[in-house]
């Protein structure tokens, strides 16, 4: 079963530049537009907005791409 995260959780994910850590700042449970793309999310498979610890970059990922730090 996929881990459920909450706002404020510290997580890491694998990006093109290697592993990145950040803090979850938002949770989407329905489809949403982000950076020109529609991201698909449901209550069973939410997508998370994460702010990088090293920059102001905001990423959106499914829980399966995240690991709790």
PDB file of N, CA and C in Angstrom:
ATOM      1  N   UNK A   1       0.836  -1.185   0.000  1.00  0.00           N
ATOM      2  CA  UNK A   1       0.000   0.000   0.000  1.00  0.00           C
ATOM      3  C   UNK A   1       0.879   1.246   0.000  1.00  0.00           C
ATOM      4  N   UNK A   2       0.448   2.229  -0.746  1.00  0.00           N
ATOM      5  CA  UNK A   2       1.190   3.471  -0.878  1.00  0.00           C
ATOM      6  C   UNK A   2       1.123   4.288   0.411  1.00  0.00           C
ATOM      7  N   UNK A   3       2.241   4.911   0.760  1.00  0.00           N
ATOM      8  CA  UNK A   3       2.297   5.756   1.945  1.00  0.00           C
ATOM      9  C   UNK A   3       1.451   7.003   1.727  1.00  0.00           C
ATOM     10  N   UNK A   4       0.718   7.393   2.740  1.00  0.00           N
ATOM     11  CA  UNK A   4      -0.057   8.630   2.701  1.00  0.00           C
ATOM     12  C   UNK A   4       0.752   9.694   3.433  1.00  0.00           C
ATOM     13  N   UNK A   5       0.973  10.810   2.763  1.00  0.00           N
ATOM     14  CA  UNK A   5       1.739  11.901   3.351  1.00  0.00           C
ATOM     15  C   UNK A   5       0.802  13.022   3.747  1.00  0.00           C
ATOM     16  N   UNK A   6       1.299  13.921   4.608  1.00  0.00           N
ATOM     17  CA  UNK A   6       0.502  15.075   5.021  1.00  0.00           C
ATOM     18  C   UNK A   6       1.335  16.342   4.868  1.00  0.00           C
ATOM     19  N   UNK A   7       0.665  17.467   4.846  1.00  0.00           N
ATOM     20  CA  UNK A   7       1.357  18.751   4.728  1.00  0.00           C
ATOM     21  C   UNK A   7       2.339  18.888   5.889  1.00  0.00           C
ATOM     22  N   UNK A   8       3.555  19.303   5.555  1.00  0.00           N
ATOM     23  CA  UNK A   8       4.611  19.461   6.550  1.00  0.00           C
ATOM     24  C   UNK A   8       5.579  18.296   6.591  1.00  0.00           C
ATOM     25  N   UNK A   9       5.223  17.152   5.983  1.00  0.00           N
ATOM     26  CA  UNK A   9       6.132  16.001   5.958  1.00  0.00           C
ATOM     27  C   UNK A   9       7.370  16.326   5.118  1.00  0.00           C
ATOM     28  N   UNK A  10       8.530  15.874   5.585  1.00  0.00           N
ATOM     29  CA  UNK A  10       9.776  15.982   4.834  1.00  0.00           C
ATOM     30  C   UNK A  10       9.905  14.728   3.987  1.00  0.00           C
ATOM     31  N   UNK A  11      10.157  14.913   2.687  1.00  0.00           N
ATOM     32  CA  UNK A  11      10.252  13.792   1.764  1.00  0.00           C
ATOM     33  C   UNK A  11      11.450  13.978   0.836  1.00  0.00           C
ATOM     34  N   UNK A  12      11.770  12.899   0.118  1.00  0.00           N
ATOM     35  CA  UNK A  12      12.793  13.004  -0.927  1.00  0.00           C
ATOM     36  C   UNK A  12      12.291  12.263  -2.145  1.00  0.00           C
ATOM     37  N   UNK A  13      12.835  12.669  -3.304  1.00  0.00           N
ATOM     38  CA  UNK A  13      12.472  12.040  -4.554  1.00  0.00           C
ATOM     39  C   UNK A  13      13.662  12.105  -5.491  1.00  0.00           C
ATOM     40  N   UNK A  14      13.644  11.256  -6.494  1.00  0.00           N
ATOM     41  CA  UNK A  14      14.729  11.179  -7.458  1.00  0.00           C
ATOM     42  C   UNK A  14      14.408  12.093  -8.628  1.00  0.00           C
ATOM     43  N   UNK A  15      15.252  13.097  -8.855  1.00  0.00           N
ATOM     44  CA  UNK A  15      15.063  14.014  -9.978  1.00  0.00           C
ATOM     45  C   UNK A  15      16.169  13.778 -11.000  1.00  0.00           C
ATOM     46  N   UNK A  16      16.135  14.551 -12.061  1.00  0.00           N
ATOM     47  CA  UNK A  16      17.167  14.444 -13.100  1.00  0.00           C
ATOM     48  C   UNK A  16      18.551  14.736 -12.533  1.00  0.00           C
ATOM     49  N   UNK A  17      18.605  15.552 -11.486  1.00  0.00           N
ATOM     50  CA  UNK A  17      19.885  15.956 -10.892  1.00  0.00           C
ATOM     51  C   UNK A  17      20.264  15.107  -9.681  1.00  0.00           C
ATOM     52  N   UNK A  18      19.525  14.039  -9.420  1.00  0.00           N
ATOM     53  CA  UNK A  18      19.784  13.205  -8.252  1.00  0.00           C
ATOM     54  C   UNK A  18      18.676  13.377  -7.230  1.00  0.00           C
ATOM     55  N   UNK A  19      18.924  12.900  -6.022  1.00  0.00           N
ATOM     56  CA  UNK A  19      17.891  12.974  -4.988  1.00  0.00           C
ATOM     57  C   UNK A  19      17.735  14.399  -4.472  1.00  0.00           C
ATOM     58  N   UNK A  20      16.477  14.793  -4.281  1.00  0.00           N
ATOM     59  CA  UNK A  20      16.123  16.114  -3.780  1.00  0.00           C
ATOM     60  C   UNK A  20      15.251  15.920  -2.554  1.00  0.00           C
ATOM     61  N   UNK A  21      15.420  16.781  -1.551  1.00  0.00           N
ATOM     62  CA  UNK A  21      14.551  16.738  -0.379  1.00  0.00           C
ATOM     63  C   UNK A  21      13.712  18.002  -0.339  1.00  0.00           C
ATOM     64  N   UNK A  22      12.566  17.880   0.290  1.00  0.00           N
ATOM     65  CA  UNK A  22      11.672  19.022   0.393  1.00  0.00           C
ATOM     66  C   UNK A  22      10.563  18.762   1.384  1.00  0.00           C
ATOM     67  N   UNK A  23       9.672  19.736   1.482  1.00  0.00           N
ATOM     68  CA  UNK A  23       8.546  19.687   2.414  1.00  0.00           C
ATOM     69  C   UNK A  23       7.247  19.755   1.631  1.00  0.00           C
ATOM     70  N   UNK A  24       6.303  18.888   1.976  1.00  0.00           N
ATOM     71  CA  UNK A  24       4.995  18.890   1.317  1.00  0.00           C
ATOM     72  C   UNK A  24       4.237  20.142   1.745  1.00  0.00           C
ATOM     73  N   UNK A  25       3.774  20.906   0.729  1.00  0.00           N
ATOM     74  CA  UNK A  25       3.051  22.150   1.011  1.00  0.00           C
ATOM     75  C   UNK A  25       1.611  22.101   0.519  1.00  0.00           C
ATOM     76  N   UNK A  26       1.256  21.064  -0.238  1.00  0.00           N
ATOM     77  CA  UNK A  26      -0.103  20.950  -0.736  1.00  0.00           C
ATOM     78  C   UNK A  26      -0.415  19.528  -1.164  1.00  0.00           C
ATOM     79  N   UNK A  27      -1.699  19.184  -1.122  1.00  0.00           N
ATOM     80  CA  UNK A  27      -2.156  17.855  -1.516  1.00  0.00           C
ATOM     81  C   UNK A  27      -3.348  18.033  -2.451  1.00  0.00           C
ATOM     82  N   UNK A  28      -3.290  17.366  -3.607  1.00  0.00           N
ATOM     83  CA  UNK A  28      -4.376  17.434  -4.586  1.00  0.00           C
ATOM     84  C   UNK A  28      -5.046  16.068  -4.675  1.00  0.00           C
ATOM     85  N   UNK A  29      -6.374  16.076  -4.608  1.00  0.00           N
ATOM     86  CA  UNK A  29      -7.138  14.831  -4.704  1.00  0.00           C
ATOM     87  C   UNK A  29      -8.045  14.815  -5.931  1.00  0.00           C
ATOM     88  N   UNK A  30      -7.873  15.805  -6.810  1.00  0.00           N
ATOM     89  CA  UNK A  30      -8.564  15.818  -8.100  1.00  0.00           C
ATOM     90  C   UNK A  30      -7.602  16.419  -9.114  1.00  0.00           C
ATOM     91  N   UNK A  31      -7.916  16.256 -10.397  1.00  0.00           N
ATOM     92  CA  UNK A  31      -7.027  16.742 -11.447  1.00  0.00           C
ATOM     93  C   UNK A  31      -6.770  18.238 -11.273  1.00  0.00           C
ATOM     94  N   UNK A  32      -5.534  18.659 -11.603  1.00  0.00           N
ATOM     95  CA  UNK A  32      -5.172  20.075 -11.487  1.00  0.00           C
ATOM     96  C   UNK A  32      -4.146  20.421 -12.556  1.00  0.00           C
ATOM     97  N   UNK A  33      -4.117  21.695 -12.932  1.00  0.00           N
ATOM     98  CA  UNK A  33      -3.144  22.179 -13.904  1.00  0.00           C
ATOM     99  C   UNK A  33      -1.938  22.723 -13.164  1.00  0.00           C
ATOM    100  N   UNK A  34      -0.744  22.326 -13.646  1.00  0.00           N
ATOM    101  CA  UNK A  34       0.495  22.777 -13.019  1.00  0.00           C
ATOM    102  C   UNK A  34       1.571  22.857 -14.086  1.00  0.00           C
ATOM    103  N   UNK A  35       2.158  24.032 -14.231  1.00  0.00           N
ATOM    104  CA  UNK A  35       3.220  24.278 -15.214  1.00  0.00           C
ATOM    105  C   UNK A  35       2.795  23.863 -16.618  1.00  0.00           C
ATOM    106  N   UNK A  36       1.548  24.162 -16.970  1.00  0.00           N
ATOM    107  CA  UNK A  36       1.067  23.899 -18.311  1.00  0.00           C
ATOM    108  C   UNK A  36       0.595  22.485 -18.582  1.00  0.00           C
ATOM    109  N   UNK A  37       0.576  21.644 -17.580  1.00  0.00           N
ATOM    110  CA  UNK A  37       0.155  20.253 -17.747  1.00  0.00           C
ATOM    111  C   UNK A  37      -0.972  19.928 -16.775  1.00  0.00           C
ATOM    112  N   UNK A  38      -1.839  19.022 -17.204  1.00  0.00           N
ATOM    113  CA  UNK A  38      -2.869  18.520 -16.304  1.00  0.00           C
ATOM    114  C   UNK A  38      -2.296  17.313 -15.571  1.00  0.00           C
ATOM    115  N   UNK A  39      -2.286  17.403 -14.259  1.00  0.00           N
ATOM    116  CA  UNK A  39      -1.839  16.288 -13.426  1.00  0.00           C
ATOM    117  C   UNK A  39      -3.083  15.585 -12.903  1.00  0.00           C
ATOM    118  N   UNK A  40      -3.055  14.270 -12.954  1.00  0.00           N
ATOM    119  CA  UNK A  40      -4.218  13.483 -12.548  1.00  0.00           C
ATOM    120  C   UNK A  40      -4.054  13.017 -11.105  1.00  0.00           C
ATOM    121  N   UNK A  41      -5.078  13.260 -10.328  1.00  0.00           N
ATOM    122  CA  UNK A  41      -5.064  12.873  -8.922  1.00  0.00           C
ATOM    123  C   UNK A  41      -6.474  12.463  -8.511  1.00  0.00           C
ATOM    124  N   UNK A  42      -6.548  11.559  -7.549  1.00  0.00           N
ATOM    125  CA  UNK A  42      -7.815  11.120  -6.973  1.00  0.00           C
ATOM    126  C   UNK A  42      -7.622  11.031  -5.462  1.00  0.00           C
ATOM    127  N   UNK A  43      -8.706  10.905  -4.709  1.00  0.00           N
ATOM    128  CA  UNK A  43      -8.534  10.702  -3.263  1.00  0.00           C
ATOM    129  C   UNK A  43      -7.718   9.444  -2.946  1.00  0.00           C
ATOM    130  N   UNK A  44      -7.809   8.419  -3.812  1.00  0.00           N
ATOM    131  CA  UNK A  44      -7.048   7.184  -3.595  1.00  0.00           C
ATOM    132  C   UNK A  44      -5.592   7.322  -4.026  1.00  0.00           C
ATOM    133  N   UNK A  45      -5.311   8.182  -5.000  1.00  0.00           N
ATOM    134  CA  UNK A  45      -3.953   8.424  -5.506  1.00  0.00           C
ATOM    135  C   UNK A  45      -3.713   9.931  -5.616  1.00  0.00           C
ATOM    136  N   UNK A  46      -3.512  10.589  -4.474  1.00  0.00           N
ATOM    137  CA  UNK A  46      -3.299  12.044  -4.518  1.00  0.00           C
ATOM    138  C   UNK A  46      -1.945  12.401  -5.118  1.00  0.00           C
ATOM    139  N   UNK A  47      -1.824  13.647  -5.522  1.00  0.00           N
ATOM    140  CA  UNK A  47      -0.534  14.196  -5.929  1.00  0.00           C
ATOM    141  C   UNK A  47      -0.160  15.250  -4.889  1.00  0.00           C
ATOM    142  N   UNK A  48       1.140  15.359  -4.658  1.00  0.00           N
ATOM    143  CA  UNK A  48       1.649  16.232  -3.612  1.00  0.00           C
ATOM    144  C   UNK A  48       2.488  17.347  -4.214  1.00  0.00           C
ATOM    145  N   UNK A  49       2.309  18.567  -3.696  1.00  0.00           N
ATOM    146  CA  UNK A  49       3.173  19.682  -4.053  1.00  0.00           C
ATOM    147  C   UNK A  49       4.258  19.760  -2.999  1.00  0.00           C
ATOM    148  N   UNK A  50       5.504  19.802  -3.460  1.00  0.00           N
ATOM    149  CA  UNK A  50       6.639  19.784  -2.534  1.00  0.00           C
ATOM    150  C   UNK A  50       7.559  20.946  -2.858  1.00  0.00           C
ATOM    151  N   UNK A  51       7.961  21.693  -1.828  1.00  0.00           N
ATOM    152  CA  UNK A  51       8.925  22.782  -1.990  1.00  0.00           C
ATOM    153  C   UNK A  51      10.307  22.244  -1.669  1.00  0.00           C
ATOM    154  N   UNK A  52      11.229  22.419  -2.607  1.00  0.00           N
ATOM    155  CA  UNK A  52      12.599  21.952  -2.445  1.00  0.00           C
ATOM    156  C   UNK A  52      13.268  22.657  -1.274  1.00  0.00           C
ATOM    157  N   UNK A  53      14.113  21.922  -0.542  1.00  0.00           N
ATOM    158  CA  UNK A  53      14.867  22.501   0.565  1.00  0.00           C
ATOM    159  C   UNK A  53      15.975  23.428   0.073  1.00  0.00           C
ATOM    160  N   UNK A  54      16.480  23.204  -1.140  1.00  0.00           N
ATOM    161  CA  UNK A  54      17.635  23.960  -1.622  1.00  0.00           C
ATOM    162  C   UNK A  54      17.276  25.131  -2.521  1.00  0.00           C
ATOM    163  N   UNK A  55      16.045  25.200  -2.986  1.00  0.00           N
ATOM    164  CA  UNK A  55      15.641  26.298  -3.862  1.00  0.00           C
ATOM    165  C   UNK A  55      14.164  26.588  -3.628  1.00  0.00           C
ATOM    166  N   UNK A  56      13.636  27.532  -4.358  1.00  0.00           N
ATOM    167  CA  UNK A  56      12.212  27.845  -4.261  1.00  0.00           C
ATOM    168  C   UNK A  56      11.387  27.000  -5.223  1.00  0.00           C
ATOM    169  N   UNK A  57      12.022  26.006  -5.851  1.00  0.00           N
ATOM    170  CA  UNK A  57      11.343  25.155  -6.822  1.00  0.00           C
ATOM    171  C   UNK A  57      10.208  24.375  -6.158  1.00  0.00           C
ATOM    172  N   UNK A  58       9.070  24.330  -6.843  1.00  0.00           N
ATOM    173  CA  UNK A  58       7.925  23.543  -6.394  1.00  0.00           C
ATOM    174  C   UNK A  58       7.744  22.398  -7.381  1.00  0.00           C
ATOM    175  N   UNK A  59       7.646  21.185  -6.870  1.00  0.00           N
ATOM    176  CA  UNK A  59       7.445  19.998  -7.693  1.00  0.00           C
ATOM    177  C   UNK A  59       6.102  19.368  -7.346  1.00  0.00           C
ATOM    178  N   UNK A  60       5.542  18.625  -8.285  1.00  0.00           N
ATOM    179  CA  UNK A  60       4.307  17.869  -8.050  1.00  0.00           C
ATOM    180  C   UNK A  60       4.599  16.404  -8.368  1.00  0.00           C
ATOM    181  N   UNK A  61       4.320  15.524  -7.398  1.00  0.00           N
ATOM    182  CA  UNK A  61       4.596  14.105  -7.577  1.00  0.00           C
ATOM    183  C   UNK A  61       3.505  13.251  -6.942  1.00  0.00           C
ATOM    184  N   UNK A  62       3.343  12.049  -7.479  1.00  0.00           N
ATOM    185  CA  UNK A  62       2.495  11.055  -6.837  1.00  0.00           C
ATOM    186  C   UNK A  62       3.245  10.500  -5.626  1.00  0.00           C
ATOM    187  N   UNK A  63       2.526   9.947  -4.693  1.00  0.00           N
ATOM    188  CA  UNK A  63       3.127   9.380  -3.499  1.00  0.00           C
ATOM    189  C   UNK A  63       4.111   8.269  -3.787  1.00  0.00           C
ATOM    190  N   UNK A  64       3.909   7.528  -4.882  1.00  0.00           N
ATOM    191  CA  UNK A  64       4.804   6.430  -5.212  1.00  0.00           C
ATOM    192  C   UNK A  64       6.214   6.903  -5.552  1.00  0.00           C
ATOM    193  N   UNK A  65       6.386   8.183  -5.892  1.00  0.00           N
ATOM    194  CA  UNK A  65       7.694   8.723  -6.219  1.00  0.00           C
ATOM    195  C   UNK A  65       8.416   9.288  -5.000  1.00  0.00           C
ATOM    196  N   UNK A  66       7.725   9.316  -3.855  1.00  0.00           N
ATOM    197  CA  UNK A  66       8.262   9.972  -2.663  1.00  0.00           C
ATOM    198  C   UNK A  66       8.668   8.965  -1.594  1.00  0.00           C
ATOM    199  N   UNK A  67       9.664   9.362  -0.813  1.00  0.00           N
ATOM    200  CA  UNK A  67      10.076   8.607   0.357  1.00  0.00           C
ATOM    201  C   UNK A  67      10.129   9.561   1.538  1.00  0.00           C
ATOM    202  N   UNK A  68       9.596   9.154   2.670  1.00  0.00           N
ATOM    203  CA  UNK A  68       9.619   9.993   3.856  1.00  0.00           C
ATOM    204  C   UNK A  68      11.046  10.068   4.406  1.00  0.00           C
ATOM    205  N   UNK A  69      11.462  11.271   4.801  1.00  0.00           N
ATOM    206  CA  UNK A  69      12.806  11.485   5.339  1.00  0.00           C
ATOM    207  C   UNK A  69      12.721  11.496   6.852  1.00  0.00           C
TER     208      UNK A  69
END
